[in-house]
C-alpha atoms as a PDB file:
ATOM      1  CA  UNK A   1     -58.975 189.501 145.027  1.00  0.00           C
ATOM      2  CA  UNK A   2     -58.376 190.753 141.752  1.00  0.00           C
ATOM      3  CA  UNK A   3     -56.776 187.199 139.995  1.00  0.00           C
ATOM      4  CA  UNK A   4     -52.931 187.783 138.189  1.00  0.00           C
ATOM      5  CA  UNK A   5     -53.154 188.582 134.907  1.00  0.00           C
ATOM      6  CA  UNK A   6     -49.648 188.659 133.886  1.00  0.00           C
ATOM      7  CA  UNK A   7     -47.744 186.483 131.608  1.00  0.00           C
ATOM      8  CA  UNK A   8     -45.412 183.994 133.321  1.00  0.00           C
ATOM      9  CA  UNK A   9     -41.858 185.705 132.021  1.00  0.00           C
ATOM     10  CA  UNK A  10     -43.588 189.318 133.171  1.00  0.00           C
ATOM     11  CA  UNK A  11     -43.664 188.162 136.493  1.00  0.00           C
ATOM     12  CA  UNK A  12     -40.223 186.744 136.993  1.00  0.00           C
ATOM     13  CA  UNK A  13     -38.965 190.032 135.259  1.00  0.00           C
ATOM     14  CA  UNK A  14     -40.840 192.366 138.315  1.00  0.00           C
ATOM     15  CA  UNK A  15     -38.896 190.096 140.754  1.00  0.00           C
ATOM     16  CA  UNK A  16     -35.468 190.628 138.905  1.00  0.00           C
ATOM     17  CA  UNK A  17     -36.111 194.892 138.684  1.00  0.00           C
ATOM     18  CA  UNK A  18     -37.072 194.156 142.670  1.00  0.00           C
ATOM     19  CA  UNK A  19     -34.034 192.263 143.348  1.00  0.00           C
ATOM     20  CA  UNK A  20     -31.881 195.176 141.429  1.00  0.00           C
ATOM     21  CA  UNK A  21     -33.822 197.900 143.497  1.00  0.00           C
ATOM     22  CA  UNK A  22     -32.961 196.272 146.685  1.00  0.00           C
ATOM     23  CA  UNK A  23     -29.316 195.952 145.794  1.00  0.00           C
ATOM     24  CA  UNK A  24     -28.871 199.471 143.956  1.00  0.00           C
ATOM     25  CA  UNK A  25     -30.747 202.050 147.051  1.00  0.00           C
ATOM     26  CA  UNK A  26     -31.798 200.005 150.034  1.00  0.00           C
ATOM     27  CA  UNK A  27     -28.771 197.434 150.501  1.00  0.00           C
ATOM     28  CA  UNK A  28     -26.288 200.126 150.302  1.00  0.00           C
ATOM     29  CA  UNK A  29     -28.293 201.956 153.041  1.00  0.00           C
ATOM     30  CA  UNK A  30     -27.100 199.095 155.342  1.00  0.00           C
ATOM     31  CA  UNK A  31     -24.088 197.472 156.576  1.00  0.00           C
ATOM     32  CA  UNK A  32     -24.919 194.506 156.015  1.00  0.00           C
ATOM     33  CA  UNK A  33     -27.979 192.193 154.280  1.00  0.00           C
ATOM     34  CA  UNK A  34     -28.477 188.281 154.228  1.00  0.00           C
ATOM     35  CA  UNK A  35     -28.500 185.896 151.469  1.00  0.00           C
ATOM     36  CA  UNK A  36     -32.297 184.921 150.569  1.00  0.00           C
ATOM     37  CA  UNK A  37     -33.910 188.643 151.579  1.00  0.00           C
ATOM     38  CA  UNK A  38     -37.385 188.400 150.696  1.00  0.00           C
ATOM     39  CA  UNK A  39     -38.671 191.583 150.709  1.00  0.00           C
ATOM     40  CA  UNK A  40     -41.761 193.567 149.099  1.00  0.00           C
ATOM     41  CA  UNK A  41     -42.307 196.963 147.490  1.00  0.00           C
ATOM     42  CA  UNK A  42     -38.805 198.100 149.302  1.00  0.00           C
ATOM     43  CA  UNK A  43     -38.644 201.303 147.641  1.00  0.00           C
ATOM     44  CA  UNK A  44     -41.467 202.308 150.699  1.00  0.00           C
ATOM     45  CA  UNK A  45     -38.519 201.044 153.388  1.00  0.00           C
ATOM     46  CA  UNK A  46     -36.986 203.799 154.947  1.00  0.00           C
ATOM     47  CA  UNK A  47     -33.592 203.367 156.968  1.00  0.00           C
ATOM     48  CA  UNK A  48     -32.450 206.450 158.587  1.00  0.00           C
ATOM     49  CA  UNK A  49     -28.658 206.317 159.868  1.00  0.00           C
ATOM     50  CA  UNK A  50     -26.832 203.326 160.900  1.00  0.00           C
ATOM     51  CA  UNK A  51     -25.680 201.026 161.382  1.00  0.00           C
ATOM     52  CA  UNK A  52     -28.499 198.935 160.413  1.00  0.00           C
ATOM     53  CA  UNK A  53     -27.326 194.576 160.018  1.00  0.00           C
ATOM     54  CA  UNK A  54     -30.156 191.881 158.600  1.00  0.00           C
ATOM     55  CA  UNK A  55     -29.282 188.566 158.567  1.00  0.00           C
ATOM     56  CA  UNK A  56     -30.495 185.640 156.053  1.00  0.00           C
ATOM     57  CA  UNK A  57     -33.839 184.753 154.909  1.00  0.00           C
ATOM     58  CA  UNK A  58     -35.495 187.968 156.266  1.00  0.00           C
ATOM     59  CA  UNK A  59     -38.661 188.963 155.408  1.00  0.00           C
ATOM     60  CA  UNK A  60     -39.374 192.466 155.308  1.00  0.00           C
ATOM     61  CA  UNK A  61     -42.370 194.527 154.160  1.00  0.00           C
ATOM     62  CA  UNK A  62     -44.048 197.608 153.278  1.00  0.00           C
ATOM     63  CA  UNK A  63     -46.822 199.315 151.724  1.00  0.00           C
ATOM     64  CA  UNK A  64     -47.090 202.700 150.722  1.00  0.00           C
ATOM     65  CA  UNK A  65     -49.618 203.613 153.474  1.00  0.00           C
ATOM     66  CA  UNK A  66     -48.062 201.663 155.478  1.00  0.00           C
ATOM     67  CA  UNK A  67     -43.831 202.603 155.595  1.00  0.00           C
ATOM     68  CA  UNK A  68     -41.546 200.073 157.472  1.00  0.00           C
ATOM     69  CA  UNK A  69     -38.875 202.279 159.122  1.00  0.00           C
ATOM     70  CA  UNK A  70     -35.532 201.333 160.369  1.00  0.00           C
ATOM     71  CA  UNK A  71     -33.759 204.705 162.430  1.00  0.00           C
ATOM     72  CA  UNK A  72     -30.592 205.007 164.038  1.00  0.00           C
ATOM     73  CA  UNK A  73     -29.812 208.467 165.693  1.00  0.00           C
ATOM     74  CA  UNK A  74     -26.983 208.637 167.179  1.00  0.00           C
ATOM     75  CA  UNK A  75     -24.072 211.078 167.900  1.00  0.00           C
ATOM     76  CA  UNK A  76     -21.922 208.357 169.724  1.00  0.00           C
ATOM     77  CA  UNK A  77     -19.449 206.341 167.851  1.00  0.00           C
ATOM     78  CA  UNK A  78     -19.202 202.226 167.754  1.00  0.00           C
ATOM     79  CA  UNK A  79     -22.931 201.835 168.665  1.00  0.00           C
ATOM     80  CA  UNK A  80     -24.500 198.667 167.657  1.00  0.00           C
ATOM     81  CA  UNK A  81     -27.644 200.340 166.370  1.00  0.00           C
ATOM     82  CA  UNK A  82     -30.174 197.942 164.589  1.00  0.00           C
ATOM     83  CA  UNK A  83     -29.260 194.643 164.662  1.00  0.00           C
ATOM     84  CA  UNK A  84     -32.327 191.865 162.993  1.00  0.00           C
ATOM     85  CA  UNK A  85     -30.876 187.865 162.899  1.00  0.00           C
ATOM     86  CA  UNK A  86     -32.177 185.406 160.724  1.00  0.00           C
ATOM     87  CA  UNK A  87     -35.057 183.873 159.188  1.00  0.00           C
ATOM     88  CA  UNK A  88     -37.153 186.986 161.182  1.00  0.00           C
ATOM     89  CA  UNK A  89     -40.646 188.606 159.619  1.00  0.00           C
ATOM     90  CA  UNK A  90     -40.999 192.670 159.848  1.00  0.00           C
ATOM     91  CA  UNK A  91     -44.889 193.703 158.546  1.00  0.00           C
ATOM     92  CA  UNK A  92     -45.976 196.672 157.151  1.00  0.00           C
ATOM     93  CA  UNK A  93     -45.713 200.017 159.107  1.00  0.00           C
ATOM     94  CA  UNK A  94     -42.823 198.705 161.767  1.00  0.00           C
ATOM     95  CA  UNK A  95     -41.057 201.740 162.982  1.00  0.00           C
ATOM     96  CA  UNK A  96     -38.193 200.521 164.909  1.00  0.00           C
ATOM     97  CA  UNK A  97     -35.889 203.572 166.626  1.00  0.00           C
ATOM     98  CA  UNK A  98     -32.417 203.123 168.203  1.00  0.00           C
ATOM     99  CA  UNK A  99     -30.103 205.218 169.791  1.00  0.00           C
ATOM    100  CA  UNK A 100     -27.422 202.241 171.248  1.00  0.00           C
ATOM    101  CA  UNK A 101     -29.137 199.216 170.389  1.00  0.00           C
ATOM    102  CA  UNK A 102     -32.202 196.735 169.467  1.00  0.00           C
ATOM    103  CA  UNK A 103     -31.174 193.444 168.517  1.00  0.00           C
ATOM    104  CA  UNK A 104     -33.896 192.002 167.190  1.00  0.00           C
ATOM    105  CA  UNK A 105     -33.032 187.626 167.434  1.00  0.00           C
ATOM    106  CA  UNK A 106     -33.567 184.487 165.220  1.00  0.00           C
ATOM    107  CA  UNK A 107     -36.897 184.016 164.187  1.00  0.00           C
ATOM    108  CA  UNK A 108     -38.478 187.223 165.530  1.00  0.00           C
ATOM    109  CA  UNK A 109     -42.447 187.955 164.337  1.00  0.00           C
ATOM    110  CA  UNK A 110     -43.196 191.763 164.435  1.00  0.00           C
ATOM    111  CA  UNK A 111     -46.779 192.452 163.263  1.00  0.00           C
ATOM    112  CA  UNK A 112     -48.336 195.631 161.486  1.00  0.00           C
ATOM    113  CA  UNK A 113     -47.482 198.816 163.033  1.00  0.00           C
ATOM    114  CA  UNK A 114     -45.548 197.875 165.932  1.00  0.00           C
ATOM    115  CA  UNK A 115     -42.921 200.497 167.331  1.00  0.00           C
ATOM    116  CA  UNK A 116     -39.709 199.490 169.246  1.00  0.00           C
ATOM    117  CA  UNK A 117     -37.211 202.083 171.185  1.00  0.00           C
ATOM    118  CA  UNK A 118     -34.365 202.259 172.981  1.00  0.00           C
ATOM    119  CA  UNK A 119     -34.504 205.740 174.169  1.00  0.00           C
ATOM    120  CA  UNK A 120     -37.134 208.669 175.210  1.00  0.00           C
ATOM    121  CA  UNK A 121     -35.474 210.711 172.588  1.00  0.00           C
ATOM    122  CA  UNK A 122     -36.183 213.585 174.717  1.00  0.00           C
ATOM    123  CA  UNK A 123     -34.558 214.986 177.962  1.00  0.00           C
ATOM    124  CA  UNK A 124     -36.998 214.700 181.237  1.00  0.00           C
ATOM    125  CA  UNK A 125     -36.220 218.256 182.608  1.00  0.00           C
ATOM    126  CA  UNK A 126     -34.493 219.698 179.612  1.00  0.00           C
ATOM    127  CA  UNK A 127     -36.772 218.048 176.806  1.00  0.00           C
ATOM    128  CA  UNK A 128     -34.431 220.565 174.021  1.00  0.00           C
ATOM    129  CA  UNK A 129     -31.724 217.847 173.931  1.00  0.00           C
ATOM    130  CA  UNK A 130     -32.220 214.045 173.647  1.00  0.00           C
ATOM    131  CA  UNK A 131     -30.980 211.916 176.518  1.00  0.00           C
ATOM    132  CA  UNK A 132     -27.345 211.348 177.792  1.00  0.00           C
ATOM    133  CA  UNK A 133     -28.006 207.616 177.682  1.00  0.00           C
ATOM    134  CA  UNK A 134     -29.781 205.380 175.969  1.00  0.00           C
ATOM    135  CA  UNK A 135     -31.295 201.500 177.299  1.00  0.00           C
ATOM    136  CA  UNK A 136     -30.776 198.641 175.104  1.00  0.00           C
ATOM    137  CA  UNK A 137     -33.790 196.726 173.960  1.00  0.00           C
ATOM    138  CA  UNK A 138     -33.597 192.607 173.082  1.00  0.00           C
ATOM    139  CA  UNK A 139     -35.557 190.373 171.728  1.00  0.00           C
ATOM    140  CA  UNK A 140     -34.766 186.725 172.374  1.00  0.00           C
ATOM    141  CA  UNK A 141     -35.084 184.109 169.473  1.00  0.00           C
ATOM    142  CA  UNK A 142     -38.585 183.294 168.534  1.00  0.00           C
ATOM    143  CA  UNK A 143     -40.453 186.650 169.943  1.00  0.00           C
ATOM    144  CA  UNK A 144     -44.025 187.000 168.587  1.00  0.00           C
ATOM    145  CA  UNK A 145     -44.593 191.233 168.519  1.00  0.00           C
ATOM    146  CA  UNK A 146     -47.929 191.974 168.232  1.00  0.00           C
ATOM    147  CA  UNK A 147     -49.907 194.791 165.794  1.00  0.00           C
ATOM    148  CA  UNK A 148     -49.357 198.028 166.960  1.00  0.00           C
ATOM    149  CA  UNK A 149     -47.347 196.855 170.203  1.00  0.00           C
ATOM    150  CA  UNK A 150     -45.143 199.277 171.640  1.00  0.00           C
ATOM    151  CA  UNK A 151     -41.630 197.763 173.283  1.00  0.00           C
ATOM    152  CA  UNK A 152     -40.027 200.685 175.249  1.00  0.00           C
ATOM    153  CA  UNK A 153     -36.551 201.179 176.308  1.00  0.00           C
ATOM    154  CA  UNK A 154     -34.213 198.552 178.605  1.00  0.00           C
ATOM    155  CA  UNK A 155     -36.685 195.838 177.539  1.00  0.00           C
ATOM    156  CA  UNK A 156     -35.448 192.704 177.317  1.00  0.00           C
ATOM    157  CA  UNK A 157     -38.102 189.927 175.942  1.00  0.00           C
ATOM    158  CA  UNK A 158     -37.844 185.764 176.114  1.00  0.00           C
ATOM    159  CA  UNK A 159     -37.673 183.249 173.912  1.00  0.00           C
ATOM    160  CA  UNK A 160     -40.556 182.124 172.382  1.00  0.00           C
ATOM    161  CA  UNK A 161     -42.511 185.010 174.005  1.00  0.00           C
ATOM    162  CA  UNK A 162     -45.957 186.201 172.657  1.00  0.00           C
ATOM    163  CA  UNK A 163     -46.710 190.253 172.896  1.00  0.00           C
ATOM    164  CA  UNK A 164     -50.258 190.611 172.106  1.00  0.00           C
ATOM    165  CA  UNK A 165     -51.749 192.966 169.998  1.00  0.00           C
ATOM    166  CA  UNK A 166     -51.634 196.429 171.257  1.00  0.00           C
ATOM    167  CA  UNK A 167     -49.297 196.208 174.474  1.00  0.00           C
ATOM    168  CA  UNK A 168     -47.435 198.858 175.913  1.00  0.00           C
ATOM    169  CA  UNK A 169     -43.745 197.035 177.304  1.00  0.00           C
ATOM    170  CA  UNK A 170     -42.371 198.741 179.434  1.00  0.00           C
ATOM    171  CA  UNK A 171     -40.266 196.209 181.897  1.00  0.00           C
ATOM    172  CA  UNK A 172     -38.790 192.720 181.240  1.00  0.00           C
ATOM    173  CA  UNK A 173     -41.185 189.959 179.809  1.00  0.00           C
ATOM    174  CA  UNK A 174     -39.794 185.739 180.967  1.00  0.00           C
ATOM    175  CA  UNK A 175     -39.131 183.293 178.314  1.00  0.00           C
ATOM    176  CA  UNK A 176     -42.830 181.268 176.779  1.00  0.00           C
ATOM    177  CA  UNK A 177     -44.976 184.025 178.278  1.00  0.00           C
ATOM    178  CA  UNK A 178     -48.068 185.714 177.106  1.00  0.00           C
ATOM    179  CA  UNK A 179     -47.533 189.279 177.802  1.00  0.00           C
ATOM    180  CA  UNK A 180     -51.050 191.827 177.271  1.00  0.00           C
ATOM    181  CA  UNK A 181     -51.988 195.095 178.413  1.00  0.00           C
ATOM    182  CA  UNK A 182     -50.754 198.164 179.166  1.00  0.00           C
ATOM    183  CA  UNK A 183     -48.933 198.146 180.858  1.00  0.00           C
ATOM    184  CA  UNK A 184     -48.011 194.656 179.563  1.00  0.00           C
ATOM    185  CA  UNK A 185     -49.040 191.568 182.020  1.00  0.00           C
ATOM    186  CA  UNK A 186     -47.915 187.841 182.214  1.00  0.00           C
ATOM    187  CA  UNK A 187     -51.021 186.164 181.551  1.00  0.00           C
ATOM    188  CA  UNK A 188     -50.031 182.678 180.341  1.00  0.00           C
ATOM    189  CA  UNK A 189     -47.239 180.535 180.342  1.00  0.00           C
ATOM    190  CA  UNK A 190     -46.259 178.288 177.343  1.00  0.00           C
ATOM    191  CA  UNK A 191     -46.071 174.711 177.775  1.00  0.00           C
ATOM    192  CA  UNK A 192     -42.680 173.737 178.454  1.00  0.00           C
ATOM    193  CA  UNK A 193     -43.445 170.326 176.551  1.00  0.00           C
ATOM    194  CA  UNK A 194     -45.334 171.364 173.431  1.00  0.00           C
ATOM    195  CA  UNK A 195     -43.004 171.700 170.698  1.00  0.00           C
ATOM    196  CA  UNK A 196     -42.548 175.147 168.801  1.00  0.00           C
ATOM    197  CA  UNK A 197     -42.477 175.343 165.225  1.00  0.00           C
ATOM    198  CA  UNK A 198     -40.453 178.341 164.109  1.00  0.00           C
ATOM    199  CA  UNK A 199     -39.784 180.276 160.882  1.00  0.00           C
ATOM    200  CA  UNK A 200     -36.796 177.965 160.318  1.00  0.00           C
ATOM    201  CA  UNK A 201     -38.315 174.955 160.763  1.00  0.00           C
ATOM    202  CA  UNK A 202     -40.833 175.944 158.194  1.00  0.00           C
ATOM    203  CA  UNK A 203     -39.123 177.642 155.548  1.00  0.00           C
ATOM    204  CA  UNK A 204     -35.570 176.667 156.247  1.00  0.00           C
ATOM    205  CA  UNK A 205     -35.200 174.841 152.839  1.00  0.00           C
ATOM    206  CA  UNK A 206     -35.035 177.614 150.690  1.00  0.00           C
ATOM    207  CA  UNK A 207     -34.290 175.856 147.135  1.00  0.00           C
ATOM    208  CA  UNK A 208     -36.924 173.592 147.882  1.00  0.00           C
ATOM    209  CA  UNK A 209     -39.295 176.889 148.561  1.00  0.00           C
ATOM    210  CA  UNK A 210     -38.952 178.552 145.746  1.00  0.00           C
ATOM    211  CA  UNK A 211     -38.543 175.455 143.379  1.00  0.00           C
ATOM    212  CA  UNK A 212     -42.006 174.676 144.763  1.00  0.00           C
ATOM    213  CA  UNK A 213     -43.068 178.242 144.282  1.00  0.00           C
ATOM    214  CA  UNK A 214     -41.599 178.652 141.205  1.00  0.00           C
ATOM    215  CA  UNK A 215     -43.972 175.231 139.974  1.00  0.00           C
ATOM    216  CA  UNK A 216     -46.799 177.096 141.783  1.00  0.00           C
ATOM    217  CA  UNK A 217     -46.558 180.125 139.906  1.00  0.00           C
ATOM    218  CA  UNK A 218     -46.197 178.323 136.512  1.00  0.00           C
ATOM    219  CA  UNK A 219     -49.385 176.324 136.932  1.00  0.00           C
ATOM    220  CA  UNK A 220     -51.345 180.167 138.537  1.00  0.00           C
ATOM    221  CA  UNK A 221     -50.059 181.976 135.320  1.00  0.00           C
ATOM    222  CA  UNK A 222     -50.317 179.366 132.810  1.00  0.00           C
ATOM    223  CA  UNK A 223     -52.090 180.393 129.949  1.00  0.00           C
ATOM    224  CA  UNK A 224     -51.877 184.505 130.758  1.00  0.00           C
ATOM    225  CA  UNK A 225     -51.162 186.317 127.622  1.00  0.00           C
ATOM    226  CA  UNK A 226     -49.584 189.463 127.433  1.00  0.00           C
ATOM    227  CA  UNK A 227     -52.716 191.238 125.181  1.00  0.00           C
ATOM    228  CA  UNK A 228     -54.678 190.387 128.219  1.00  0.00           C
ATOM    229  CA  UNK A 229     -52.575 191.444 130.636  1.00  0.00           C
ATOM    230  CA  UNK A 230     -52.292 194.818 128.846  1.00  0.00           C
ATOM    231  CA  UNK A 231     -56.436 194.741 128.660  1.00  0.00           C
ATOM    232  CA  UNK A 232     -56.535 193.806 131.951  1.00  0.00           C
ATOM    233  CA  UNK A 233     -54.542 197.442 132.861  1.00  0.00           C
ATOM    234  CA  UNK A 234     -56.326 199.557 130.608  1.00  0.00           C
ATOM    235  CA  UNK A 235     -59.858 198.557 130.398  1.00  0.00           C
ATOM    236  CA  UNK A 236     -60.446 195.765 134.038  1.00  0.00           C
ATOM    237  CA  UNK A 237     -63.303 193.597 133.977  1.00  0.00           C
ATOM    238  CA  UNK A 238     -65.618 192.685 136.950  1.00  0.00           C
ATOM    239  CA  UNK A 239     -64.507 189.076 135.970  1.00  0.00           C
ATOM    240  CA  UNK A 240     -60.781 189.985 136.509  1.00  0.00           C
END
């Protein structure tokens, strides 16, 4: 990993510009965006339609090769659309597509390239039109979706459950389960006597986390200069 050559004040300015972009370009596309959001490369997050509601302390990630897409496509009024709770992690390349209702409850984690949908998007017999009915999807609290998993219409995944990488979930998964495969099957039940540490448990005190991060950043970037940073941009060396 290449060292960060930016002076501390440059990095602070960069984060202010990111926040400005979120507030002026991303947030207006949402029904609501909660406090303390951490959004990386927001220009690679695509929102189509609405409503899309996002809670507090969200971690929302995207990259140039893995855009994150939140899509609500329906001609019906008064639908819930996409509802994302507090302390949720959404990784690059995730696609969430709702025709009616997809609920991502608190503390859920969704790994890269996962796909969640509440509709087939085309009729079975009349494929020129979308189906008349969508089937809501719900991820209950603290669900973990693995890389490239697919969550199909009408599915509820119970609290604390884990869906393995590449799994295709076409039926309900009970709480405290580990499910893998295509179609996904439960292969293990979590120990009910063991406490599960959630993202809220780990990252709940935002003020303390921010203070510690600021101290770490200052120490990490100590001694960096504007000239050194510019030199690294124009003429990077192997030692960088």
